Amino acid sequence: MTHPHSISVAIIGCGIFGAMASLRLAARGALVTVYERQATPLQGASYNNQNRLHLGFHYPRDDETARQSIRGFVRFREEFAPCILGGFPNAYFVASEGSLVTAQQYLDFCQRMGLRHERIDPATFDPVVRDVDLGVLCDEVVYDSAVLSTLVLQRLTDAHIEPHFNADVQRIERRSDGFRLHVAGQPARDFDAVVNATYANVNAFTEQLGHDVPEYQYEYTMVPIVEWDHAAVGVSIMDGPFMTVLPFGQTGRYLLYHVAHSVVAEHIGRHMPASWVDKATAPARRVDGQALFERMRQACSQFVPALASVRLVGFLEGPRMVLAHRHHTDARPSIVRCHEPGYVTAFTGKIDHCIWVADDIATLLLDRHTADVP
């Protein structure tokens, strides 16, 4: 039975963060409506990334990002077990030259964070890794974004949440008793509260409500999907303009990423360039994909010679956003902020932060609402 003082909440964005927020809010009695611009859930940044579930190993220069990842890892792996691929050797290596942390600094970081690891010999690892000073095996895994999308959609159905797909929210208007959403092709609707989980578009709606917004660093990435005649394995070279190869979920293929090559466009500002929204006008249309892949394969095989044999299948591409001017730390935190009563934004870092972020959003909205209800 619905509580007579149930709060009505609009969730803008049905990536993993918007979806989890809607499930947490609905479980606590909120009346939830979800709006998603895409035709299905988890088709934006939740899909266009390396599918890595972080335990913190990737962030030796930012303890907070590492802590947030540790906080979310186990709960995500348990809640979404069917989409997880684990049980393969997954290793981090510190480059001999050009790394922003030394081997000893990396080991000190692992100890400080309490990260379980096993030191290994890069020369006997399969595949052989060269030009590195340190190798450690870790317990990180990957997830399959297609399977995750199916799981999330089923959970929304089970919770009697029916997302509005292909729904383009154009404007938020503040009302005396809440907020009014204007959605293209739909009548305007009023809500007690709004959760802005739009990721790259988070600033637009916040500005409409009159709040100051920060600059972000927007990056458009192209990540090759490749075939490789090698058993599942993960290799990440730290800490600088280096590379990662990881299984592409449960597909049997791999994702190849190189810091110096995968970002094909960059913009610092309050809003993502409008041309990036449509793939027909996005930066990838100006890139020779085959030539980019050849450059990446050559750069990656300098560390992992066996990668010279990978074969291009296609690309993941899309925008992402990070905190601006953070090159010295490479910080990728998630930040939940209540700008005013009833309006919450989620600046999101890593996928496995989504459960605690959803808990924080529910607490911010529902605890305050309960306190306000006579």
Protein backbone atom coordinates (compact mmCIF):
# COMPACT_ATOMS: atom_id res chain seq x y z
CA MET A 1 0.00 0.00 0.00
CA THR A 2 1.24 3.47 -0.87
CA HIS A 3 1.85 5.78 2.07
CA PRO A 4 -0.48 8.82 1.96
CA HIS A 5 2.55 11.12 2.14
CA SER A 6 4.55 9.29 -0.55
CA ILE A 7 6.90 11.58 -2.41
CA SER A 8 6.70 11.68 -6.21
CA VAL A 9 10.13 11.64 -7.83
CA ALA A 10 11.20 12.10 -11.43
CA ILE A 11 14.46 10.38 -12.35
CA ILE A 12 16.11 11.85 -15.46
CA GLY A 13 18.38 9.25 -16.99
CA CYS A 14 18.15 5.46 -16.95
CA GLY A 15 21.80 4.57 -16.93
CA ILE A 16 22.91 2.39 -14.06
CA PHE A 17 22.88 5.31 -11.60
CA GLY A 18 19.39 6.52 -12.50
CA ALA A 19 18.07 2.97 -12.53
CA MET A 20 19.50 2.11 -9.13
CA ALA A 21 18.26 5.38 -7.64
CA SER A 22 14.76 4.64 -8.91
CA LEU A 23 14.82 1.14 -7.41
CA ARG A 24 16.04 2.38 -4.03
CA LEU A 25 13.47 5.18 -3.91
CA ALA A 26 10.62 2.90 -4.96
CA ALA A 27 11.63 0.32 -2.35
CA ARG A 28 11.21 3.02 0.30
CA GLY A 29 7.74 4.00 -0.90
CA ALA A 30 8.41 6.82 -3.35
CA LEU A 31 6.29 7.17 -6.49
CA VAL A 32 8.97 7.01 -9.18
CA THR A 33 8.84 8.01 -12.85
CA VAL A 34 11.93 7.49 -15.01
CA TYR A 35 12.73 9.38 -18.20
CA GLU A 36 15.41 8.11 -20.59
CA ARG A 37 16.37 9.69 -23.91
CA GLN A 38 17.59 6.37 -25.36
CA ALA A 39 15.36 3.48 -26.44
CA THR A 40 16.64 1.11 -23.75
CA PRO A 41 18.41 1.43 -20.38
CA LEU A 42 22.18 1.62 -19.92
CA GLN A 43 23.01 2.67 -23.47
CA GLY A 44 25.14 5.71 -22.66
CA ALA A 45 28.18 5.83 -20.40
CA SER A 46 27.06 2.62 -18.64
CA TYR A 47 27.78 0.80 -21.91
CA ASN A 48 30.58 2.84 -23.47
CA ASN A 49 33.38 2.09 -21.03
CA GLN A 50 35.89 -0.62 -20.20
CA ASN A 51 33.39 -2.73 -18.21
CA ARG A 52 35.89 -2.89 -15.34
CA LEU A 53 34.65 -3.23 -11.77
CA HIS A 54 37.16 -1.22 -9.80
CA LEU A 55 38.64 -2.20 -6.47
CA GLY A 56 40.78 0.93 -6.44
CA PHE A 57 43.95 -0.39 -8.10
CA HIS A 58 43.61 2.11 -10.94
CA TYR A 59 43.83 5.20 -8.70
CA PRO A 60 47.12 5.25 -6.77
CA ARG A 61 47.10 9.06 -6.91
CA ASP A 62 43.63 9.55 -5.44
CA ASP A 63 42.76 7.67 -2.27
CA GLU A 64 39.15 8.92 -2.25
CA THR A 65 38.34 7.39 -5.65
CA ALA A 66 39.95 4.16 -4.48
CA ARG A 67 37.92 4.16 -1.25
CA GLN A 68 34.67 4.77 -3.13
CA SER A 69 35.43 1.87 -5.47
CA ILE A 70 36.21 -0.47 -2.58
CA ARG A 71 32.95 0.62 -0.94
CA GLY A 72 30.92 -0.37 -3.99
CA PHE A 73 32.70 -3.40 -5.43
CA VAL A 74 31.40 -6.27 -3.30
CA ARG A 75 27.79 -5.09 -3.26
CA PHE A 76 27.71 -4.64 -7.03
CA ARG A 77 29.26 -8.04 -7.66
CA GLU A 78 26.72 -9.70 -5.38
CA GLU A 79 23.66 -7.84 -6.69
CA PHE A 80 24.49 -8.39 -10.36
CA ALA A 81 26.30 -11.73 -10.24
CA PRO A 82 24.89 -13.05 -13.58
CA CYS A 83 26.62 -10.27 -15.52
CA ILE A 84 30.05 -10.73 -13.90
CA LEU A 85 33.04 -12.35 -15.58
CA GLY A 86 35.77 -13.26 -13.11
CA GLY A 87 38.16 -16.11 -12.54
CA PHE A 88 40.75 -14.82 -15.01
CA PRO A 89 44.23 -13.44 -14.22
CA ASN A 90 43.93 -9.66 -13.94
CA ALA A 91 47.14 -7.75 -13.32
CA TYR A 92 48.46 -4.22 -12.92
CA PHE A 93 52.01 -3.28 -13.90
CA VAL A 94 54.04 -0.14 -13.22
CA ALA A 95 55.90 1.14 -16.27
CA SER A 96 59.67 1.47 -16.02
CA GLU A 97 59.60 4.89 -17.65
CA GLY A 98 57.01 7.66 -17.65
CA SER A 99 54.92 6.44 -14.72
CA LEU A 100 53.65 9.04 -12.29
CA VAL A 101 54.12 6.58 -9.42
CA THR A 102 57.08 4.35 -8.69
CA ALA A 103 56.82 0.65 -8.00
CA GLN A 104 57.37 1.29 -4.28
CA GLN A 105 54.76 4.06 -4.21
CA TYR A 106 52.28 1.70 -5.86
CA LEU A 107 52.96 -1.02 -3.29
CA ASP A 108 52.63 1.55 -0.49
CA PHE A 109 49.26 2.60 -1.96
CA CYS A 110 48.02 -1.00 -2.05
CA GLN A 111 49.01 -1.47 1.58
CA ARG A 112 47.44 1.84 2.63
CA MET A 113 44.14 0.93 0.98
CA GLY A 114 44.22 -2.67 2.24
CA LEU A 115 44.11 -4.01 -1.33
CA ARG A 116 44.78 -7.72 -1.51
CA HIS A 117 47.32 -8.47 -4.22
CA GLU A 118 50.04 -10.93 -5.26
CA ARG A 119 53.34 -9.83 -6.71
CA ILE A 120 54.22 -11.55 -9.99
CA ASP A 121 57.11 -11.70 -12.44
CA PRO A 122 56.11 -9.81 -15.62
CA ALA A 123 58.48 -11.97 -17.70
CA THR A 124 56.66 -15.18 -16.75
CA PHE A 125 53.14 -13.77 -16.88
CA ASP A 126 51.00 -14.97 -19.79
CA PRO A 127 51.10 -12.85 -21.90
CA VAL A 128 54.61 -11.56 -21.29
CA VAL A 129 54.71 -7.92 -20.22
CA ARG A 130 57.87 -5.88 -20.75
CA ASP A 131 59.29 -2.47 -19.84
CA VAL A 132 57.71 -2.58 -16.37
CA ASP A 133 59.18 -2.59 -12.85
CA LEU A 134 56.33 -4.24 -10.95
CA GLY A 135 53.44 -6.60 -11.51
CA VAL A 136 50.58 -7.45 -9.13
CA LEU A 137 47.61 -9.76 -9.53
CA CYS A 138 44.30 -8.43 -8.21
CA ASP A 139 40.73 -9.57 -7.64
CA GLU A 140 39.04 -7.13 -10.02
CA VAL A 141 36.49 -8.49 -12.48
CA VAL A 142 34.53 -7.18 -15.46
CA TYR A 143 30.81 -6.99 -16.12
CA ASP A 144 28.84 -7.57 -19.30
CA SER A 145 26.89 -4.39 -20.05
CA ALA A 146 24.30 -6.13 -22.24
CA VAL A 147 23.51 -8.67 -19.51
CA LEU A 148 23.46 -5.88 -16.93
CA SER A 149 20.94 -3.94 -19.01
CA THR A 150 18.63 -6.98 -19.13
CA LEU A 151 18.95 -7.49 -15.36
CA VAL A 152 18.20 -3.84 -14.64
CA LEU A 153 15.16 -3.78 -16.92
CA GLN A 154 13.77 -6.88 -15.18
CA ARG A 155 14.29 -5.28 -11.77
CA LEU A 156 12.47 -2.16 -12.89
CA THR A 157 9.60 -4.33 -14.13
CA ASP A 158 9.48 -6.31 -10.89
CA ALA A 159 9.34 -3.01 -8.96
CA HIS A 160 6.44 -1.83 -11.17
CA ILE A 161 8.56 1.01 -12.53
CA GLU A 162 7.85 1.71 -16.19
CA PRO A 163 10.54 3.96 -17.66
CA HIS A 164 9.60 6.39 -20.40
CA PHE A 165 12.10 5.58 -23.14
CA ASN A 166 12.82 7.89 -26.10
CA ALA A 167 11.78 10.64 -23.69
CA ASP A 168 13.69 13.89 -24.14
CA VAL A 169 13.35 16.05 -21.03
CA GLN A 170 13.75 19.60 -22.26
CA ARG A 171 13.19 21.76 -19.21
CA ILE A 172 12.70 21.75 -15.44
CA GLU A 173 10.56 24.47 -13.91
CA ARG A 174 10.46 25.19 -10.19
CA ARG A 175 6.97 25.32 -8.67
CA SER A 176 5.86 26.47 -5.25
CA ASP A 177 5.32 22.87 -4.18
CA GLY A 178 7.89 21.04 -6.29
CA PHE A 179 9.01 20.86 -9.90
CA ARG A 180 7.43 20.65 -13.35
CA LEU A 181 9.08 18.60 -16.09
CA HIS A 182 8.60 19.43 -19.75
CA VAL A 183 9.18 16.42 -21.96
CA ALA A 184 9.09 16.55 -25.76
CA GLY A 185 5.76 15.24 -27.05
CA GLN A 186 4.28 14.72 -23.58
CA PRO A 187 2.14 16.85 -21.27
CA ALA A 188 4.07 18.63 -18.54
CA ARG A 189 4.05 16.77 -15.20
CA ASP A 190 4.59 17.91 -11.64
CA PHE A 191 6.77 16.13 -9.07
CA ASP A 192 7.78 16.66 -5.49
CA ALA A 193 11.42 15.96 -6.31
CA VAL A 194 13.82 15.42 -9.21
CA VAL A 195 16.97 13.31 -9.47
CA ASN A 196 19.25 14.44 -12.28
CA ALA A 197 21.22 11.34 -13.31
CA THR A 198 21.86 12.45 -16.89
CA TYR A 199 25.64 12.20 -16.64
CA ALA A 200 27.02 14.43 -19.42
CA ASN A 201 23.95 16.70 -19.36
CA VAL A 202 23.89 17.19 -15.60
CA ASN A 203 24.66 20.93 -15.74
CA ALA A 204 21.91 21.95 -18.17
CA PHE A 205 18.96 21.27 -15.87
CA THR A 206 20.80 22.55 -12.82
CA GLU A 207 21.40 25.87 -14.57
CA GLN A 208 17.71 26.10 -15.51
CA LEU A 209 16.95 26.14 -11.79
CA GLY A 210 19.35 29.03 -11.27
CA HIS A 211 22.23 27.20 -9.63
CA ASP A 212 25.89 27.76 -10.38
CA VAL A 213 27.52 24.83 -12.15
CA PRO A 214 31.18 23.85 -12.41
CA GLU A 215 33.28 23.24 -15.47
CA TYR A 216 33.88 19.63 -16.39
CA GLN A 217 36.29 17.95 -18.73
CA TYR A 218 34.32 16.27 -21.51
CA GLU A 219 36.06 13.55 -23.50
CA TYR A 220 34.88 11.66 -26.55
CA THR A 221 36.40 8.18 -26.59
CA MET A 222 36.80 5.39 -29.11
CA VAL A 223 37.64 1.99 -27.63
CA PRO A 224 38.40 -0.85 -30.07
CA ILE A 225 36.55 -4.13 -29.67
CA VAL A 226 39.04 -6.79 -30.73
CA GLU A 227 39.44 -10.51 -31.20
CA TRP A 228 42.51 -12.07 -29.64
CA ASP A 229 43.50 -15.72 -29.58
CA HIS A 230 44.24 -15.71 -25.88
CA ALA A 231 42.40 -16.99 -22.83
CA ALA A 232 40.67 -14.33 -20.75
CA VAL A 233 43.19 -12.02 -19.13
CA GLY A 234 43.48 -8.43 -17.95
CA VAL A 235 46.56 -6.21 -18.27
CA SER A 236 46.77 -2.58 -17.12
CA ILE A 237 49.95 -0.51 -17.31
CA MET A 238 50.28 2.24 -14.70
CA ASP A 239 50.40 5.15 -14.16
CA GLY A 240 50.33 7.51 -17.10
CA PRO A 241 49.62 7.58 -20.86
CA PHE A 242 49.58 3.80 -21.13
CA MET A 243 47.21 0.92 -21.91
CA THR A 244 44.67 -1.61 -20.72
CA VAL A 245 43.30 -4.77 -22.31
CA LEU A 246 40.32 -6.46 -20.67
CA PRO A 247 37.68 -9.03 -21.63
CA PHE A 248 34.62 -7.40 -23.21
CA GLY A 249 32.19 -8.80 -20.67
CA GLN A 250 31.12 -12.33 -21.49
CA THR A 251 31.40 -11.93 -25.27
CA GLY A 252 34.74 -13.70 -25.71
CA ARG A 253 36.20 -10.53 -27.20
CA TYR A 254 38.39 -7.82 -25.67
CA LEU A 255 38.43 -4.06 -25.22
CA LEU A 256 41.68 -2.28 -25.99
CA TYR A 257 42.28 1.10 -24.39
CA HIS A 258 45.20 3.49 -24.59
CA VAL A 259 45.23 6.75 -22.63
CA ALA A 260 47.12 8.63 -25.35
CA HIS A 261 44.93 7.45 -28.24
CA SER A 262 41.42 6.50 -27.08
CA VAL A 263 40.35 10.08 -26.30
CA VAL A 264 39.73 11.58 -29.75
CA ALA A 265 38.25 14.92 -28.62
CA GLU A 266 38.35 16.96 -25.42
CA HIS A 267 36.43 20.00 -24.20
CA ILE A 268 36.53 21.84 -20.87
CA GLY A 269 33.43 23.86 -20.10
CA ARG A 270 30.06 23.86 -18.39
CA HIS A 271 28.36 21.90 -21.15
CA MET A 272 29.25 19.10 -23.51
CA PRO A 273 29.43 20.23 -27.16
CA ALA A 274 25.98 19.74 -28.70
CA SER A 275 27.46 17.98 -31.74
CA TRP A 276 28.64 15.11 -29.53
CA VAL A 277 25.08 14.00 -28.72
CA ASP A 278 24.34 12.71 -32.24
CA LYS A 279 26.73 10.06 -33.54
CA ALA A 280 26.27 11.46 -37.03
CA THR A 281 28.06 14.65 -35.95
CA ALA A 282 30.22 13.28 -33.13
CA PRO A 283 34.03 13.55 -33.20
CA ALA A 284 34.42 9.89 -34.22
CA ARG A 285 33.04 10.76 -37.66
CA ARG A 286 36.24 12.69 -38.33
CA VAL A 287 38.52 9.82 -37.27
CA ASP A 288 39.95 7.10 -39.48
CA GLY A 289 39.05 4.16 -37.29
CA GLN A 290 41.41 1.68 -38.92
CA ALA A 291 44.35 4.07 -38.62
CA LEU A 292 43.50 4.76 -34.97
CA PHE A 293 43.36 1.05 -34.26
CA GLU A 294 46.75 0.50 -35.88
CA ARG A 295 48.31 3.22 -33.74
CA MET A 296 46.77 1.74 -30.62
CA ARG A 297 47.80 -1.81 -31.47
CA GLN A 298 51.38 -0.67 -32.03
CA ALA A 299 51.48 1.35 -28.80
CA CYS A 300 49.94 -1.45 -26.72
CA SER A 301 52.19 -4.15 -28.15
CA GLN A 302 55.24 -2.24 -26.91
CA PHE A 303 54.23 -3.42 -23.44
CA VAL A 304 52.43 -6.64 -24.41
CA PRO A 305 54.03 -8.00 -27.62
CA ALA A 306 51.28 -10.61 -28.06
CA LEU A 307 48.77 -7.80 -28.68
CA ALA A 308 50.29 -7.33 -32.14
CA SER A 309 47.97 -10.16 -33.26
CA VAL A 310 44.65 -8.60 -32.16
CA ARG A 311 42.03 -8.05 -34.88
CA LEU A 312 39.60 -5.13 -34.99
CA VAL A 313 35.88 -5.93 -34.75
CA GLY A 314 34.42 -2.50 -34.04
CA PHE A 315 34.44 0.36 -31.56
CA LEU A 316 32.69 1.48 -28.43
CA GLU A 317 32.34 5.22 -28.72
CA GLY A 318 30.72 8.02 -26.78
CA PRO A 319 31.24 10.95 -24.42
CA ARG A 320 32.37 10.80 -20.84
CA MET A 321 32.99 13.49 -18.28
CA VAL A 322 35.50 13.89 -15.49
CA LEU A 323 36.43 16.61 -13.05
CA ALA A 324 38.35 19.37 -14.81
CA HIS A 325 41.96 20.18 -13.97
CA ARG A 326 42.61 16.91 -12.12
CA HIS A 327 45.50 15.56 -14.20
CA HIS A 328 47.77 15.53 -11.14
CA THR A 329 45.49 13.08 -9.28
CA ASP A 330 43.36 11.46 -12.02
CA ALA A 331 40.48 11.66 -9.53
CA ARG A 332 37.24 9.94 -10.63
CA PRO A 333 34.92 10.30 -7.63
CA SER A 334 31.14 10.10 -7.53
CA ILE A 335 29.50 13.15 -5.97
CA VAL A 336 25.87 13.31 -4.82
CA ARG A 337 24.64 16.86 -4.22
CA CYS A 338 21.36 18.31 -3.01
CA HIS A 339 21.26 21.77 -4.61
CA GLU A 340 17.94 22.67 -2.99
CA PRO A 341 15.18 20.74 -1.23
CA GLY A 342 13.93 18.13 -3.68
CA TYR A 343 16.58 18.53 -6.38
CA VAL A 344 19.54 16.12 -6.34
CA THR A 345 22.29 15.57 -8.90
CA ALA A 346 24.61 12.62 -9.26
CA PHE A 347 28.02 13.27 -10.75
CA THR A 348 29.13 9.71 -11.30
CA GLY A 349 32.57 8.17 -11.46
CA LYS A 350 32.69 4.38 -11.60
CA ILE A 351 29.91 1.88 -12.30
CA ASP A 352 30.40 0.01 -9.04
CA HIS A 353 29.68 3.20 -7.08
CA CYS A 354 26.04 3.00 -8.19
CA ILE A 355 24.59 1.16 -5.20
CA TRP A 356 25.93 3.44 -2.47
CA VAL A 357 25.16 6.47 -4.63
CA ALA A 358 21.54 5.28 -4.89
CA ASP A 359 21.42 4.80 -1.11
CA ASP A 360 22.74 8.33 -0.58
CA ILE A 361 20.18 9.79 -3.01
CA ALA A 362 17.32 8.01 -1.25
CA THR A 363 18.52 9.23 2.13
CA LEU A 364 18.84 12.84 0.95
CA LEU A 365 15.35 12.93 -0.54
CA LEU A 366 13.27 10.70 1.70
CA ASP A 367 14.69 11.55 5.11
CA ARG A 368 14.20 15.26 4.44
CA HIS A 369 10.71 14.67 3.05
CA THR A 370 9.74 12.61 6.10
CA ALA A 371 11.00 15.37 8.38
CA ASP A 372 8.95 17.96 6.47
CA VAL A 373 5.70 15.98 6.55
CA PRO A 374 3.53 16.94 9.54
